[in-house]
Amino acid sequence: MQLSLLLLLLLLPGSPTAPGMEDAAFPHLGESSQPLPWACPPRCSCPRADMVDCDGLDLRVFPNNITRAAQHLSLQNNQLQELPYNELSRLSDLRTLNLHNNLISSEGLPDEAFESLTQLQHIYVAHNKVRYPPERHPRPDLAWPASHSTECRGDSTGLEGGCQDQYVVLPQLSVAPQFLPRSLRVADLAANQVTEIFPLTFGEKPALRSVYLHNNQLSNAGLPPDAFHGSEAVTTLSLSNNQLSYLPPSLPPSLERLHLQNNLISKVPRGALSRQTHLRELYLQHNQLTDSGLDATTFSKLRRLEYLDLSHNQLAAVPAGLPRTLAVLHLGRNRIRQVEADRLRGARGLRYLLLQHNSLGAAGLPAGVLRPLRGLHTLHVYGNGLERVPLALPRRLRSLVLPHNRVAVLGARDLTSTPGLAELNLAYNRLASARVHRRAFRALRALRSLDLTGNQLTRLPSGLPIGLHTLRLQRNQLRALEPEPLAGLDQLRELSLAHNRLRVGDIGPGTWHELQALQVLDLSHNELSFVPPDLPEALEELHLQSNRISHVGPEAFLSTPGLRALFLRANRLHMTSIAPEAFLGLLHLHVVDTTGNPEQVLVQLPPTAPRRPRAWGP
């Protein structure tokens, strides 16, 4: 509480820049060696004459001696159930009222309570719904009779008629105040049980900027058509996690951010967004939108829209009429079977297109369909049924994410249209070594990250780009390593070869020779019987867990003086399996993990090591 109060002080006009705890004008919050020069409710903090902070004091009654000069009143995190009109009406200079996380019900928030607060700018009444087990109820004197106050949530046996947990439920904040002051700028009524608001709850507020109504029970019937009439400055409106079935009409034309996710919206009425020409962000994910619920004009008037999230709906096609200003389009987890070129023709400014977990099959992304999106940076299409890498992609594409598809072939020219690609993820497809062309990666000179995890490769691909920083080949069927495929990769920093079938005898001499920058090497879950020799000098992290290593000789790490972490768990090591000289010269080593071996392993490091390593055993 003290930290939040100090931050509030610094943000207020005229606040001291660095109040000292010894300064009589700014005593230590909650404590003082001398009385304050102004009245302050017991146990509350009043560092300024216009500020009263009663946060988290378990108050059950509204303080009755708050100074009339108060402009900022914090009563959050208490157990207040009502606001007394006679007390609140005295505070006519109040600018901020924080009632977050109390037990206030609609009956405890009377309309007349705000009539005298003509200067109020910020009101916070979020999280005023609380359930308690009967034995922990904070107000047993106010608990309802058991026959009316409990909720059955099913019993642990799964039989009908039982209750596993019973909760006392206090009256809820289910109806918004009919009137809030005209001076309001920010209103937060989130996370309650609000089912209805009124024309003057948020209407006729010329200075209102932000309204938060998410996590309530609002349906369209609870929102009047003129809910925001006369409030022409609202830029942020949050209605997510409610019960709306269609996009509300008559939204403020000044909106820049509109949150409607997690509702029951199946339709956007024609013209519902025709006036919102300032809208930049629109969140409609996790609804029930179908193609028939949208038309070509739904988004066409949103000439400043940059971010549109339509994921987790029931769309079978990319919406039409997308604005050219759009930069991010989320369409993941819909039912899209094919992307049509004319649907994206207007969105030429698109930078990020996310199509993951749809029903795109072999013909889902026809060749060249995305070519008009010249500025496209990232394409996500994982979790579809693609059998080939989409052809004729935009030349400026930087990130192509294709895991969990059915790609079985990588031809010589499949990736030639994207020479600027920096990230390529083909994990968990059906690539076999025989069907990956030796020139498949030749054009990708800017590639920094290549993920081929979870395929059917039996050998390292040829022609890997020399600028690679990260190469992931875990969970394949690699049986041998040769130096040729890794030649020239002197910028490679991370190499994962875990979960393959590698044996030390199948790692050719000189395999690691050109990996001069390699810092992380993962050889875990293979069939190694000892530490591979001649490891890269720059290596800092070595994963050898879950192999068949039974002995670590004195020269095992002579080539890796910078080693910091070594993982040897779940091998076949015994108490004296590691030679005492094995770690000589490894001055930076501070983690040696030997858990899960048949016996606890003795680990000896030279006394000159700056940090004592953690040597774990069973």
Foldseek 3Di string as FASTA:
>chain_A
DQVVVVVVLCPDPPRDPDDDCPDQLAHDFQDDPDDDPEDAFPSWGDSDLQETEPEQPQDADDGQDRDLNHAAYADDNYAYAADDQVRLLSNQNHAYYEHHAYQYALVRYALSSAVSNQNYAYYANENNWDKDQQVPDPCVVQFDPQVPFWDAPAPPVNDPPDRNGTIGTDHWHADQRQAHHLQYAEYHHDQTAHAAYYQHSQANNCNHAEYHHDNYAYELVRQDLNNHHNHQRHAYYAHDHYAYQEQRAPDRLNYAEYHHDHYAHAAYDPPRNQSVQNHAEYHHAHYAHEQVRDAQRRAQNNQRHAYYAHDHYAYQEQHANHALNHAEYHHEHYAHAAYALRRCLRNLNYAYYEHAQYAHACHRYAAPSQQSNQNHAEYHHENYAHQDQHHLHHQNHAEYAYEHYAHAAQDLCRCQSHQNHAYYAHAHYAYEQVRYDLNSCQSNQNHAEYHHHNYAYQAQRHNHHLNYQYYEHDNYAHAAADQRRVPNVCNHAEYEHAHYAYELVRYDPPNQVNPQNHAYYAHDHYAYQEQRPDHHQNYAEYHHDHYAHAAYDLCNCVSHLAHAEYEHAQYAYEACRYDQNNAPNNLRHAEYEHEHYPYQYDHHHDPNRPHHHDYDYD
